[in-house]
Amino acid sequence: MPSDIIPPAKPYFPRTDIDEAKQRLDEILTSGSLTLGKYTREFERQFAELVKVQYAIAVNSGTSALEIAIRGHDIREGDEVVIPTNTFGATCAAVIFAGGKPKITDVSHDTMTISVEAIEEALSPKTKGVIAVHIGGLICPEMDSIRKLCEERGLFLIEDAAHAHGSKINGKHAGSLASAGCFSFYPTKVMTTGEGGMITTESQELSTIAQILRDHGKESYNSNRIVRLGFNWRMPELCAVLGILQLRRLHEFIEKRNSIAKIYDAAFDAIGLERVITPANQVNNYYKYTFLLPKNVQRDKFKTMCRERGVAYGGEVYWPPLHLQPAFSDFLDEGARFDTADELTRRMVNPPIFSQMIVEQAERVVKVTREVLSQLGS
């Protein structure tokens, strides 16, 4: 096996940013203000400015962001929240932990995101809200129609934008398309804080609730009076510093990933592979690049053979989908079908893509992919 394996993902901190982070760490440790300090406030301000919303609330994970946003919409026991099966388990778990019941739906064939049709089929008198999940940097294309449906039915709408930092649709940023947007800064994401998350919103009320919930439900940081049941969901100051540094480079990261995606587009189209196509009205940050293997190719064998040749395909977005996860089996409607997700999630693969990837690496990925598919008889 080659020693210079191309990884599926890789965080990028240029040396100048590392040096600045060290300086800020020295300042933070000297000051003694290690959490919810000036860097957290500055990161929140800059992120809200990016998304073009009034408020951004930093937390310790994308999962925390989701649960806070759901709880901020006054969820009650038995309330149903419609979500797609093609998402990470945190989307579903956040609904459950917040006291609601997930209503899991199939997805669209073209984009693997939730559709208006699927939402309408899932609605019931108990439905309280919808979570639309952006996948791999692609914004759910039906957001406008989904938002209108939710407004007509009196439902809340939350964006799970864990993958979508800097992504846009019709000129509007992910995180500005619903009552709340929820981002993750996990190490594999386009920008990272190590661990961390962010809630974006235009609602002053939701912003206030989020700030209370992230700090054990205290009415303010300097008070011990608990007014709601919250958790320790705070973002440390050092994570906020990393977020500020990464945010400066987000546009650069997205441009680089798009240049790699164009290489993949041309090559995989020439091979004749099906792929997720970004609509003309979107800017995709390409957190993940997704194409579908031919139906006769076994994914595990394909990935193993590619890795043996120095190309590490990453984890799929997502496999297994929610309806095949043992922890969520009790939340499935009897007889529910997920035909589209069953086919697509079994065939999807995600080749390496990261912000410091070079053309030669992308060409090597293409070369290895073509060779392996040829050997597998495709």
Foldseek 3Di string as FASTA:
>chain_A
DDPQFFAQFAFDDPPVLVVVLVVVVVVCVVVVQWFPDDLQVVLFVVLCVLQVADTKHKWFFLLLQLLLLVLLLVDAAAAEEEAELLADCSNQVSQVVNRYFYAYWAPDQQQRWHDPVRVVVRDDPRYAAYETEAFQQAGPPCLVVRQVVCVVVVHFYEYACQAHRNKDFLRGGQQESGQKYKYWQDRLHQAHLPGIMMIGHNDPSSNQSSQCQCCQQANDPPDPDHDDGHDPTTDTSSSSSSSVSRVVCQVLLQVQQVVLVVVVVVLVVVVPWAFRDHDPRMRGSRSWGKTFDPPLDQVVVLQVQLVVVRWHWDQDSDPPGNCPDPVNVVSYDPPHDHVSSVVRRRGMTTTHTYRPDDPVVSVSSSVSSVVSSVVSPD
